[in-house]
Amino acid sequence: MPLDFTAEELIPEDINFPVVYEDTHFHKSKYVINGNTGEYLGIVGKKFKCASHGDFFTRAHNAVSEHLGEEVCDSMNLKFSKARNNAWVMMEMVMPNVLRKIVTDKHTTTIAPRLIALHGIDGSCSNQVYYGAIDFFCTNGMITGDYDKIKRKNTTNFDLERFIGELEHTIQDFNNTADTYQQWAETKLYTIDVNAMLKSIMSDEKAEKMFSLYNHETVTRGRNVWALYSAFTSYANPLNVDTNGFALRRTGNDTQAQSLWKREQDVAGWINTPQFRELVAA
């Protein structure tokens, strides 16, 4: 199948709109407007400029496809998540042609490479691309926090091809990450006070809920670091927020996708704490 698409072919209609600006009464700011609907989406600085979602995500998709090639990308799965009345959008690219198995004493799951592209037209985020993986057993998304993020200023002249070119070692990085996950699957936690470790990296209330979620994961995956990490990633899975004890607050604002992405960043932070690293090395 062809790997280069136009915005009309690739991007959902409700986020594929031109960005229009209108001056506010304050001389240093301007409104951001959905050029199709006329909806006011935010206020930004007078010098703020950005590409449309359609332009940014089409270029991101096509650059990744060109960089990684048809063998990796011809079955790429795309998912778009939206917030802030479509001013903030996340595109998730999953590559099921590249798979690795993670095996515990009790269970085997399959993971695939995952790229996340973020774009905000209201100043809520700069252009960002994150690298990670997805667990096909539970659909939990994973970012490592180490080499996972490349970030650039949000401008109309953004050189996305060069930006994506920095992911030269994407597949090798994925395989290295899979090796780490397999090590976690083989690292037993029978003699470790997991609850105490959790309380050292998050609030007591959250730690108690996470410990319960970890115990639930051990039924399937065994009592190991991989099960603990699966509990972490379940915390950020949109399919689990109503059942895992970590329901999102219903504020009435259009921020659920953005909040779940923040949770993924929380997870990346937890696995990079000294406490978690000590757990892995125990």
Protein backbone atom coordinates (compact mmCIF):
# COMPACT_ATOMS: atom_id res chain seq x y z
CA MET A 1 0.00 0.00 0.00
CA PRO A 2 1.25 3.57 -0.55
CA LEU A 3 2.82 5.13 2.53
CA ASP A 4 2.40 8.82 1.62
CA PHE A 5 -1.01 10.32 2.34
CA THR A 6 -2.67 13.70 2.07
CA ALA A 7 -4.29 15.27 5.12
CA GLU A 8 -7.72 14.53 3.67
CA GLU A 9 -6.87 10.82 3.43
CA LEU A 10 -5.21 10.51 6.81
CA ILE A 11 -6.64 12.99 9.32
CA PRO A 12 -10.18 12.87 10.79
CA GLU A 13 -12.29 15.70 9.42
CA ASP A 14 -12.97 17.32 12.79
CA ILE A 15 -9.26 17.98 13.42
CA ASN A 16 -8.28 18.77 9.83
CA PHE A 17 -9.07 22.47 9.83
CA PRO A 18 -7.14 25.66 8.99
CA VAL A 19 -5.86 27.75 11.89
CA VAL A 20 -7.08 31.34 11.85
CA TYR A 21 -6.03 34.21 14.12
CA GLU A 22 -7.88 37.31 15.23
CA ASP A 23 -6.51 40.19 17.29
CA THR A 24 -7.71 40.61 20.85
CA HIS A 25 -8.13 44.00 22.47
CA PHE A 26 -4.74 43.45 24.17
CA HIS A 27 -1.91 44.36 21.81
CA LYS A 28 0.29 41.40 22.81
CA SER A 29 -2.19 38.57 22.18
CA LYS A 30 -4.51 37.08 19.58
CA TYR A 31 -7.28 34.49 19.39
CA VAL A 32 -6.79 31.04 17.84
CA ILE A 33 -9.83 30.04 15.79
CA ASN A 34 -11.01 26.85 14.05
CA GLY A 35 -11.13 28.07 10.45
CA ASN A 36 -13.93 25.64 9.52
CA THR A 37 -16.34 26.21 12.41
CA GLY A 38 -15.34 29.67 13.62
CA GLU A 39 -14.92 28.32 17.17
CA TYR A 40 -12.53 30.27 19.41
CA LEU A 41 -9.98 27.80 20.81
CA GLY A 42 -7.62 29.92 22.88
CA ILE A 43 -5.49 33.00 23.26
CA VAL A 44 -1.80 33.04 22.34
CA GLY A 45 0.98 35.58 22.08
CA LYS A 46 1.07 37.97 19.14
CA LYS A 47 4.10 36.23 17.60
CA PHE A 48 2.73 32.70 17.99
CA LYS A 49 2.58 30.66 14.77
CA CYS A 50 1.92 27.01 14.14
CA ALA A 51 1.07 24.50 11.44
CA SER A 52 -2.42 23.03 11.30
CA HIS A 53 -3.01 19.57 12.77
CA GLY A 54 -3.55 18.24 9.26
CA ASP A 55 -0.21 19.53 8.05
CA PHE A 56 1.77 18.48 11.11
CA PHE A 57 0.38 14.96 11.46
CA THR A 58 0.45 14.20 7.74
CA ARG A 59 4.09 15.23 7.57
CA ALA A 60 4.86 13.25 10.74
CA HIS A 61 3.18 10.11 9.41
CA ASN A 62 4.78 10.33 5.97
CA ALA A 63 8.24 11.13 7.36
CA VAL A 64 8.08 8.17 9.76
CA SER A 65 6.89 5.90 6.94
CA GLU A 66 9.66 7.05 4.63
CA HIS A 67 12.28 6.75 7.37
CA LEU A 68 11.31 3.27 8.63
CA GLY A 69 10.18 1.83 5.31
CA GLU A 70 7.29 -0.23 3.99
CA GLU A 71 8.37 -3.43 5.75
CA VAL A 72 7.82 -1.76 9.12
CA CYS A 73 4.99 0.65 8.32
CA ASP A 74 2.65 -0.88 5.72
CA SER A 75 0.33 -2.17 8.48
CA MET A 76 0.72 0.83 10.78
CA ASN A 77 -2.26 1.43 13.06
CA LEU A 78 -3.23 5.05 13.70
CA LYS A 79 -5.25 6.42 16.58
CA PHE A 80 -6.07 10.08 17.28
CA SER A 81 -6.93 11.40 20.75
CA LYS A 82 -8.23 14.95 21.19
CA ALA A 83 -8.67 17.52 23.94
CA ARG A 84 -9.34 21.22 24.45
CA ASN A 85 -12.01 21.32 21.72
CA ASN A 86 -9.56 19.80 19.23
CA ALA A 87 -6.84 22.34 19.95
CA TRP A 88 -4.66 19.55 21.43
CA VAL A 89 -4.27 16.30 19.47
CA MET A 90 -2.18 13.16 19.93
CA MET A 91 -1.48 10.74 17.08
CA GLU A 92 -0.44 7.24 18.09
CA MET A 93 1.38 5.12 15.49
CA VAL A 94 1.69 1.39 16.27
CA MET A 95 3.79 -0.89 14.04
CA PRO A 96 2.54 -4.48 14.36
CA ASN A 97 5.01 -5.74 11.74
CA VAL A 98 7.77 -5.56 14.37
CA LEU A 99 6.94 -7.75 17.35
CA ARG A 100 8.69 -9.06 20.45
CA LYS A 101 7.41 -11.48 23.06
CA ILE A 102 7.77 -10.89 26.80
CA VAL A 103 7.66 -14.19 28.69
CA THR A 104 7.10 -14.75 32.41
CA ASP A 105 6.68 -18.03 34.33
CA LYS A 106 2.91 -17.69 33.93
CA HIS A 107 2.23 -15.66 30.81
CA THR A 108 3.43 -14.50 27.39
CA THR A 109 2.51 -11.19 25.79
CA THR A 110 3.50 -9.46 22.57
CA ILE A 111 4.67 -5.86 22.24
CA ALA A 112 5.19 -3.65 19.19
CA PRO A 113 6.90 -0.28 18.56
CA ARG A 114 4.81 2.80 19.22
CA LEU A 115 5.41 6.42 18.25
CA ILE A 116 3.43 9.31 19.73
CA ALA A 117 3.19 12.71 18.05
CA LEU A 118 1.69 15.64 19.96
CA HIS A 119 0.52 18.92 18.51
CA GLY A 120 -1.22 21.93 20.04
CA ILE A 121 -2.47 24.98 18.19
CA ASP A 122 -3.40 26.95 21.31
CA GLY A 123 0.03 27.02 22.92
CA SER A 124 -0.77 24.00 25.13
CA CYS A 125 2.22 22.02 23.83
CA SER A 126 5.07 22.25 21.36
CA ASN A 127 5.70 19.69 18.62
CA GLN A 128 6.70 16.49 20.37
CA VAL A 129 7.41 12.90 19.32
CA TYR A 130 7.78 10.10 21.87
CA TYR A 131 9.01 6.59 21.31
CA GLY A 132 7.82 3.50 23.17
CA ALA A 133 5.87 0.27 22.83
CA ILE A 134 2.38 -1.15 23.29
CA ASP A 135 1.37 -4.38 25.02
CA PHE A 136 -1.15 -6.17 22.80
CA PHE A 137 -2.46 -8.30 25.70
CA CYS A 138 -3.82 -5.34 27.67
CA THR A 139 -3.37 -2.48 25.13
CA ASN A 140 -1.28 -0.57 27.69
CA GLY A 141 1.01 2.02 26.13
CA MET A 142 4.58 2.40 27.33
CA ILE A 143 7.20 5.13 27.12
CA THR A 144 10.57 4.58 28.74
CA GLY A 145 11.58 8.06 29.81
CA ASP A 146 15.19 7.56 28.70
CA TYR A 147 15.48 8.17 24.95
CA ASP A 148 11.80 8.58 24.48
CA LYS A 149 11.26 12.23 23.59
CA ILE A 150 12.29 14.60 20.83
CA LYS A 151 10.81 18.07 21.12
CA ARG A 152 10.85 21.15 18.94
CA LYS A 153 9.32 24.61 19.03
CA ASN A 154 5.89 24.89 17.42
CA THR A 155 6.45 26.94 14.26
CA THR A 156 5.07 27.06 10.75
CA ASN A 157 8.52 26.33 9.27
CA PHE A 158 9.15 23.26 11.38
CA ASP A 159 11.53 20.83 9.58
CA LEU A 160 9.72 17.62 10.40
CA GLU A 161 11.82 15.37 8.17
CA ARG A 162 14.95 16.36 10.07
CA PHE A 163 13.01 16.04 13.31
CA ILE A 164 11.91 12.47 12.57
CA GLY A 165 15.37 11.67 11.20
CA GLU A 166 16.63 11.88 14.77
CA LEU A 167 14.79 8.59 15.38
CA GLU A 168 17.39 6.77 13.29
CA HIS A 169 17.70 3.93 15.77
CA THR A 170 13.98 3.44 16.43
CA ILE A 171 13.85 -0.30 15.82
CA GLN A 172 17.10 -0.99 17.62
CA ASP A 173 15.89 1.09 20.55
CA PHE A 174 12.66 -0.93 20.57
CA ASN A 175 14.61 -4.20 20.68
CA ASN A 176 16.80 -2.86 23.48
CA THR A 177 13.68 -1.88 25.40
CA ALA A 178 12.15 -5.32 24.81
CA ASP A 179 15.32 -6.87 26.25
CA THR A 180 14.89 -4.70 29.34
CA TYR A 181 11.24 -5.73 29.69
CA GLN A 182 12.23 -9.38 29.44
CA GLN A 183 14.75 -8.82 32.21
CA TRP A 184 11.96 -7.28 34.29
CA ALA A 185 9.78 -10.33 33.57
CA GLU A 186 12.53 -12.54 35.01
CA THR A 187 13.14 -10.34 38.09
CA LYS A 188 11.09 -11.80 40.95
CA LEU A 189 9.62 -9.64 43.73
CA TYR A 190 8.72 -12.29 46.31
CA THR A 191 11.07 -10.88 48.94
CA ILE A 192 10.60 -7.19 48.11
CA ASP A 193 8.30 -4.82 50.00
CA VAL A 194 6.64 -3.44 46.88
CA ASN A 195 4.10 -1.41 48.84
CA ALA A 196 6.84 0.45 50.71
CA MET A 197 8.67 1.19 47.45
CA LEU A 198 5.47 2.57 45.92
CA LYS A 199 4.92 4.84 48.90
CA SER A 200 8.39 6.26 48.39
CA ILE A 201 7.62 7.45 44.82
CA MET A 202 3.95 8.47 45.04
CA SER A 203 1.34 9.48 47.61
CA ASP A 204 0.21 6.88 50.15
CA GLU A 205 -3.32 6.88 48.72
CA LYS A 206 -2.10 6.34 45.18
CA ALA A 207 0.41 3.74 46.35
CA GLU A 208 -2.30 1.68 48.04
CA LYS A 209 -4.35 1.66 44.84
CA MET A 210 -1.29 0.84 42.76
CA PHE A 211 -0.35 -2.02 45.09
CA SER A 212 -3.83 -3.46 44.65
CA LEU A 213 -3.49 -3.13 40.88
CA TYR A 214 -0.07 -4.81 41.02
CA ASN A 215 -1.52 -7.75 42.96
CA HIS A 216 -4.20 -8.06 40.29
CA GLU A 217 -1.53 -8.14 37.58
CA THR A 218 0.45 -10.84 39.40
CA VAL A 219 -2.43 -13.28 38.95
CA THR A 220 -1.75 -13.25 35.21
CA ARG A 221 1.91 -12.26 34.92
CA GLY A 222 3.45 -13.54 38.13
CA ARG A 223 5.11 -11.64 40.97
CA ASN A 224 7.81 -9.81 39.05
CA VAL A 225 8.87 -6.33 37.92
CA TRP A 226 7.02 -6.71 34.61
CA ALA A 227 3.73 -7.16 36.51
CA LEU A 228 4.48 -4.02 38.51
CA TYR A 229 5.21 -2.09 35.33
CA SER A 230 1.99 -3.41 33.80
CA ALA A 231 0.14 -2.01 36.81
CA PHE A 232 1.82 1.34 36.16
CA THR A 233 0.83 1.38 32.49
CA SER A 234 -2.73 0.28 33.28
CA TYR A 235 -3.02 3.51 35.27
CA ALA A 236 -2.70 5.42 31.96
CA ASN A 237 -4.85 3.13 29.79
CA PRO A 238 -8.12 4.84 28.72
CA LEU A 239 -9.89 1.47 28.67
CA ASN A 240 -9.13 0.91 32.35
CA VAL A 241 -9.80 4.25 34.03
CA ASP A 242 -13.26 3.24 35.22
CA THR A 243 -12.17 -0.13 36.62
CA ASN A 244 -8.58 0.17 37.89
CA GLY A 245 -9.28 2.42 40.88
CA PHE A 246 -7.85 5.53 39.20
CA ALA A 247 -10.93 7.15 37.68
CA LEU A 248 -10.39 10.53 36.09
CA ARG A 249 -12.12 13.48 37.69
CA ARG A 250 -15.14 14.54 35.66
CA THR A 251 -14.45 18.26 35.54
CA GLY A 252 -16.70 19.00 32.58
CA ASN A 253 -13.69 20.17 30.61
CA ASP A 254 -12.50 18.47 27.44
CA THR A 255 -9.19 17.27 28.89
CA GLN A 256 -9.41 13.47 29.32
CA ALA A 257 -6.96 12.58 26.53
CA GLN A 258 -4.49 15.17 27.79
CA SER A 259 -4.84 13.89 31.37
CA LEU A 260 -4.17 10.30 30.30
CA TRP A 261 -1.08 11.41 28.41
CA LYS A 262 0.12 13.14 31.58
CA ARG A 263 -0.30 9.79 33.34
CA GLU A 264 1.99 8.14 30.79
CA GLN A 265 4.59 10.74 31.64
CA ASP A 266 4.07 9.98 35.34
CA VAL A 267 4.84 6.32 34.61
CA ALA A 268 8.00 7.25 32.71
CA GLY A 269 9.05 9.25 35.76
CA TRP A 270 8.37 6.41 38.21
CA ILE A 271 10.50 3.88 36.35
CA ASN A 272 13.39 6.35 36.33
CA THR A 273 13.42 6.90 40.08
CA PRO A 274 16.32 5.48 42.11
CA GLN A 275 13.81 3.38 44.06
CA PHE A 276 12.53 1.60 40.95
CA ARG A 277 16.03 1.12 39.57
CA GLU A 278 17.08 -0.44 42.86
CA LEU A 279 14.06 -2.74 42.68
CA VAL A 280 15.10 -3.92 39.23
CA ALA A 281 18.67 -4.51 40.38
CA ALA A 282 17.65 -6.39 43.54
